[in-house]
Protein backbone atom coordinates (compact mmCIF):
# COMPACT_ATOMS: atom_id res chain seq x y z
CA MET A 1 72.31 107.25 71.36
CA ILE A 2 75.85 108.60 71.54
CA LYS A 3 77.15 110.42 68.49
CA HIS A 4 80.21 108.58 67.25
CA LEU A 5 81.81 110.82 64.63
CA TRP A 6 84.02 113.56 65.95
CA ASN A 7 85.34 115.87 63.27
CA GLU A 8 87.00 118.61 65.30
CA PRO A 9 89.30 118.22 68.28
CA PRO A 10 87.77 119.49 71.52
CA ALA A 11 90.48 122.19 71.76
CA SER A 12 94.18 122.63 71.14
CA GLY A 13 96.42 120.21 72.99
CA TYR A 14 95.04 117.02 71.43
CA VAL A 15 96.46 114.40 69.08
CA ALA A 16 94.12 112.60 66.68
CA LEU A 17 94.19 108.85 65.91
CA LEU A 18 92.07 107.21 63.24
CA ALA A 19 89.57 104.69 64.53
CA ASN A 20 87.91 101.94 62.48
CA SER A 21 84.95 99.64 62.85
CA PRO A 22 85.48 95.92 63.48
CA ALA A 23 84.67 95.42 59.78
CA GLY A 24 87.67 97.61 58.91
CA LYS A 25 85.76 100.68 57.72
CA ARG A 26 86.89 104.11 58.83
CA TRP A 27 84.69 105.18 61.69
CA GLY A 28 86.08 108.45 62.98
CA VAL A 29 88.81 110.01 65.02
CA VAL A 30 89.74 109.50 68.67
CA TYR A 31 91.58 112.29 70.45
CA LEU A 32 94.33 111.96 73.02
CA SER A 33 94.69 114.88 75.40
CA ASP A 34 98.29 116.03 75.79
CA ALA A 35 97.70 116.67 79.50
CA ARG A 36 96.06 113.27 80.10
CA THR A 37 98.77 111.54 78.07
CA ASP A 38 101.49 113.25 80.13
CA TRP A 39 99.75 112.20 83.35
CA LEU A 40 99.24 108.60 82.22
CA LEU A 41 102.84 108.25 81.08
CA SER A 42 104.11 109.69 84.38
CA THR A 43 102.26 106.96 86.31
CA TYR A 44 102.72 104.00 83.92
CA THR A 45 105.37 101.31 84.12
CA ASP A 46 107.70 100.91 81.14
CA GLY A 47 105.50 98.06 79.87
CA GLN A 48 102.33 100.13 80.15
CA LYS A 49 104.02 102.96 78.24
CA LEU A 50 104.83 100.55 75.39
CA GLU A 51 101.26 99.25 75.43
CA PHE A 52 99.99 102.83 75.26
CA GLU A 53 102.33 103.58 72.34
CA HIS A 54 101.68 100.39 70.35
CA LEU A 55 98.48 98.67 71.50
CA VAL A 56 96.15 101.69 71.73
CA PRO A 57 96.65 102.65 68.04
CA GLN A 58 96.48 98.96 67.02
CA THR A 59 93.20 98.45 68.92
CA LEU A 60 91.66 101.60 67.42
CA ALA A 61 92.78 100.62 63.91
CA LYS A 62 91.76 96.94 64.10
CA PRO A 63 89.22 96.37 66.87
CA VAL A 64 87.58 92.98 67.29
CA ALA A 65 84.53 94.69 68.83
CA ARG A 66 83.24 98.14 69.64
CA PHE A 67 80.30 99.02 71.84
CA SER A 68 78.77 101.98 73.60
CA PHE A 69 78.15 101.82 77.34
CA ARG A 70 76.72 103.80 80.20
CA THR A 71 79.06 102.23 82.76
CA LEU A 72 81.66 99.49 82.89
CA HIS A 73 81.46 96.92 85.69
CA ARG A 74 85.18 97.03 86.53
CA ASP A 75 85.74 100.73 85.95
CA GLU A 76 83.47 102.95 88.03
CA GLU A 77 85.21 106.15 86.93
CA ALA A 78 84.90 105.46 83.20
CA PRO A 79 82.62 108.06 81.64
CA ARG A 80 79.70 107.11 79.41
CA GLY A 81 81.14 106.49 75.99
CA VAL A 82 82.59 103.90 73.65
CA CYS A 83 84.80 100.91 74.34
CA TYR A 84 87.13 99.57 71.65
CA VAL A 85 88.11 95.95 72.23
CA GLY A 86 91.33 94.44 70.92
CA LYS A 87 93.16 91.13 71.01
CA PRO A 88 96.75 92.26 70.44
CA ASP A 89 99.32 89.66 69.53
CA ARG A 90 101.71 91.01 72.14
CA ALA A 91 101.84 92.48 75.63
CA TYR A 92 104.66 93.77 77.82
CA ASP A 93 105.73 93.05 81.37
CA ASP A 94 106.28 95.96 83.77
CA ALA A 95 109.93 96.30 82.71
CA GLY A 96 108.93 96.58 79.03
CA THR A 97 109.97 93.10 77.93
CA PRO A 98 107.78 91.93 75.03
CA LEU A 99 105.52 88.96 75.77
CA GLY A 100 103.19 86.97 73.56
CA GLY A 101 99.52 87.85 73.33
CA ARG A 102 97.31 87.31 76.36
CA ILE A 103 95.00 84.45 75.37
CA ASP A 104 92.32 84.93 78.03
CA GLU A 105 92.39 88.73 78.15
CA LEU A 106 91.16 91.61 76.05
CA PHE A 107 92.71 95.06 75.65
CA LEU A 108 90.14 97.83 76.21
CA VAL A 109 90.42 101.44 75.05
CA ILE A 110 87.83 103.64 76.76
CA ILE A 111 86.66 106.75 74.88
CA ASN A 112 84.35 109.36 76.43
CA CYS A 113 81.28 110.70 74.64
CA LYS A 114 83.32 113.63 73.24
CA GLY A 115 85.72 111.30 71.46
CA VAL A 116 88.61 111.70 73.91
CA MET A 117 90.48 108.66 75.20
CA HIS A 118 89.96 108.15 78.93
CA LYS A 119 92.27 105.16 79.52
CA SER A 120 93.27 101.72 78.33
CA TYR A 121 93.84 98.48 80.18
CA TRP A 122 93.81 94.70 79.95
CA TYR A 123 90.55 93.10 81.00
CA PRO A 124 91.23 89.80 82.77
CA ARG A 125 88.50 87.68 81.14
CA HIS A 126 86.11 87.56 78.24
CA SER A 127 82.58 86.31 77.81
CA LYS A 128 82.48 82.61 76.86
CA GLN A 129 79.38 83.26 74.75
CA ASN A 130 81.12 86.08 72.87
CA PRO A 131 84.94 85.88 73.06
CA ASN A 132 85.34 89.35 71.54
CA MET A 133 83.46 91.07 74.38
CA PRO A 134 84.51 91.61 78.00
CA LEU A 135 82.98 89.50 80.73
CA ASP A 136 79.79 91.08 82.10
CA PHE A 137 79.80 93.77 79.40
CA GLU A 138 76.01 93.50 79.28
CA ASP A 139 75.73 95.26 82.66
CA GLY A 140 76.44 98.67 81.13
CA PHE A 141 75.98 97.80 77.46
CA LEU A 142 73.99 100.15 75.23
CA GLU A 143 74.76 99.20 71.65
CA ASN A 144 77.18 97.01 69.68
CA PHE A 145 78.12 98.61 66.38
């Protein structure tokens, strides 16, 4: 089982965000690497930058689901870790124009086993049996908590 409470940042150069359980209880801290954040923001569109700024903290604070995984079907480079799942009430187009929420999509925040955010993205579909989980999440699923 993956340890889920990270008390100390891995090193200097990290920003901490509080993360909660789907029931709203404080769960721990997720770290954002300054270097990774700089790289992500240099490659993101204006809309993705706004999603990073607003939707990542929202998903960590109020997830609809959280599960540990060994691999994610869509994301071969995602390290073993934890996935926070959100259903934000807004999204942004590439130019940064606010849009309504994406009804048939989930916002995923991928955290590695050291508590550091790897990336975030919209997942195009959800499981019909469990609308708060990504489609085919069972392929790499370890534990829902």
